[in-house]
Amino acid sequence: MNQNMPDGAAIIIGELNSYSAAQFTLEDFRNFWDNYEHYPAGPREVQALILDPKGRNYWKARWDDCNLYFYEITHTISKPVDPQDAFLMEEAQKAYVQKYGLY
């Protein structure tokens, strides 16, 4: 994505805009990518930043924000998505750490 953002982002922007009222532009995407997306360096960061309720990117807060946005604001989903039906990160993290450790 960083090497060729216009081409990479075009795929995501096209899909996002076809299913919502977002009407993202390349600059919107670039701002989101540079300022809001976060890719943890390993399982220790995943645990601290995403799975820990005190983490800055705690998954449940983001999940609730997405449900709010897509259900209540844009009305692009018929009902809020229950994390028990779709959120697998905790199980994936547990399996990964069990197999490879926290490093």
Protein backbone atom coordinates (compact mmCIF):
# COMPACT_ATOMS: atom_id res chain seq x y z
CA MET A 1 0.00 0.00 0.00
CA ASN A 2 2.77 2.45 0.90
CA GLN A 3 4.56 1.84 -2.41
CA ASN A 4 1.54 2.40 -4.64
CA MET A 5 -1.30 3.91 -2.65
CA PRO A 6 -3.38 5.18 -5.59
CA ASP A 7 -3.76 1.69 -7.06
CA GLY A 8 -4.10 -0.15 -3.75
CA ALA A 9 -6.47 2.37 -2.25
CA ALA A 10 -8.65 2.44 -5.36
CA ILE A 11 -9.79 -1.13 -4.65
CA ILE A 12 -10.72 -0.38 -1.05
CA ILE A 13 -12.24 3.02 -1.81
CA GLY A 14 -14.35 1.55 -4.60
CA GLU A 15 -15.76 -1.17 -2.34
CA LEU A 16 -16.32 1.16 0.61
CA ASN A 17 -18.08 3.74 -1.51
CA SER A 18 -20.24 1.17 -3.27
CA TYR A 19 -21.66 -0.08 0.04
CA SER A 20 -21.88 3.12 2.06
CA ALA A 21 -22.39 6.83 1.86
CA ALA A 22 -18.79 7.48 2.89
CA GLN A 23 -17.64 8.69 -0.55
CA PHE A 24 -14.00 8.40 0.49
CA THR A 25 -11.42 10.08 -1.70
CA LEU A 26 -7.78 9.10 -2.07
CA GLU A 27 -6.87 11.88 0.37
CA ASP A 28 -9.43 10.61 2.89
CA PHE A 29 -7.94 7.16 2.57
CA ARG A 30 -4.37 8.47 2.89
CA ASN A 31 -5.32 10.37 6.07
CA PHE A 32 -6.96 7.25 7.53
CA TRP A 33 -4.04 5.03 6.54
CA ASP A 34 -1.39 7.40 7.91
CA ASN A 35 -3.16 8.46 11.10
CA TYR A 36 -5.63 5.83 12.22
CA GLU A 37 -4.62 2.42 10.94
CA HIS A 38 -2.19 0.57 13.15
CA TYR A 39 -0.40 -2.67 12.49
CA PRO A 40 1.09 -4.20 15.66
CA ALA A 41 4.61 -5.57 15.34
CA GLY A 42 3.80 -8.83 17.10
CA PRO A 43 1.57 -10.69 19.54
CA ARG A 44 2.77 -8.72 22.56
CA GLU A 45 1.62 -5.48 20.92
CA VAL A 46 -1.65 -7.11 19.85
CA GLN A 47 -2.29 -8.05 23.47
CA ALA A 48 -1.37 -4.63 24.86
CA LEU A 49 -2.93 -2.41 22.21
CA ILE A 50 -5.95 -4.33 20.91
CA LEU A 51 -7.03 -7.05 23.32
CA ASP A 52 -6.40 -5.24 26.61
CA PRO A 53 -9.37 -3.00 27.56
CA LYS A 54 -6.84 -0.28 28.47
CA GLY A 55 -5.13 -0.48 25.07
CA ARG A 56 -5.36 2.53 22.78
CA ASN A 57 -6.91 0.43 20.00
CA TYR A 58 -9.10 -1.77 22.20
CA TRP A 59 -11.13 -3.90 19.83
CA LYS A 60 -14.49 -3.60 21.59
CA ALA A 61 -14.48 0.20 21.46
CA ARG A 62 -13.78 0.09 17.74
CA TRP A 63 -16.35 -2.66 17.23
CA ASP A 64 -19.00 -0.55 18.91
CA ASP A 65 -17.97 2.51 16.85
CA CYS A 66 -18.33 0.50 13.64
CA ASN A 67 -21.75 -0.79 14.66
CA LEU A 68 -22.81 2.76 15.47
CA TYR A 69 -21.55 4.08 12.15
CA PHE A 70 -22.82 1.34 9.85
CA TYR A 71 -26.10 0.64 11.66
CA GLU A 72 -27.23 3.95 13.11
CA ILE A 73 -25.60 6.53 10.86
CA THR A 74 -25.25 5.09 7.34
CA HIS A 75 -27.85 2.33 7.76
CA THR A 76 -25.75 -0.02 5.63
CA ILE A 77 -26.23 -3.02 7.92
CA SER A 78 -29.62 -4.36 9.02
CA LYS A 79 -28.61 -4.82 12.66
CA PRO A 80 -25.51 -4.40 14.80
CA VAL A 81 -23.02 -7.23 14.41
CA ASP A 82 -22.56 -9.32 17.55
CA PRO A 83 -18.85 -9.90 18.17
CA GLN A 84 -19.63 -13.45 19.32
CA ASP A 85 -20.66 -14.14 15.73
CA ALA A 86 -17.63 -12.66 14.01
CA PHE A 87 -14.73 -11.58 16.24
CA LEU A 88 -12.05 -14.26 16.23
CA MET A 89 -8.99 -12.28 17.26
CA GLU A 90 -8.95 -13.47 20.86
CA GLU A 91 -9.00 -17.12 19.77
CA ALA A 92 -6.43 -16.49 17.04
CA GLN A 93 -4.16 -14.69 19.50
CA LYS A 94 -4.43 -17.52 22.01
CA ALA A 95 -3.59 -20.15 19.37
CA TYR A 96 -0.71 -18.06 18.01
CA VAL A 97 0.83 -17.44 21.43
CA GLN A 98 0.40 -21.09 22.35
CA LYS A 99 2.27 -22.15 19.21
CA TYR A 100 4.88 -19.36 18.86
CA GLY A 101 4.98 -17.45 22.15
CA LEU A 102 4.69 -13.72 22.68
CA TYR A 103 7.77 -12.87 20.58
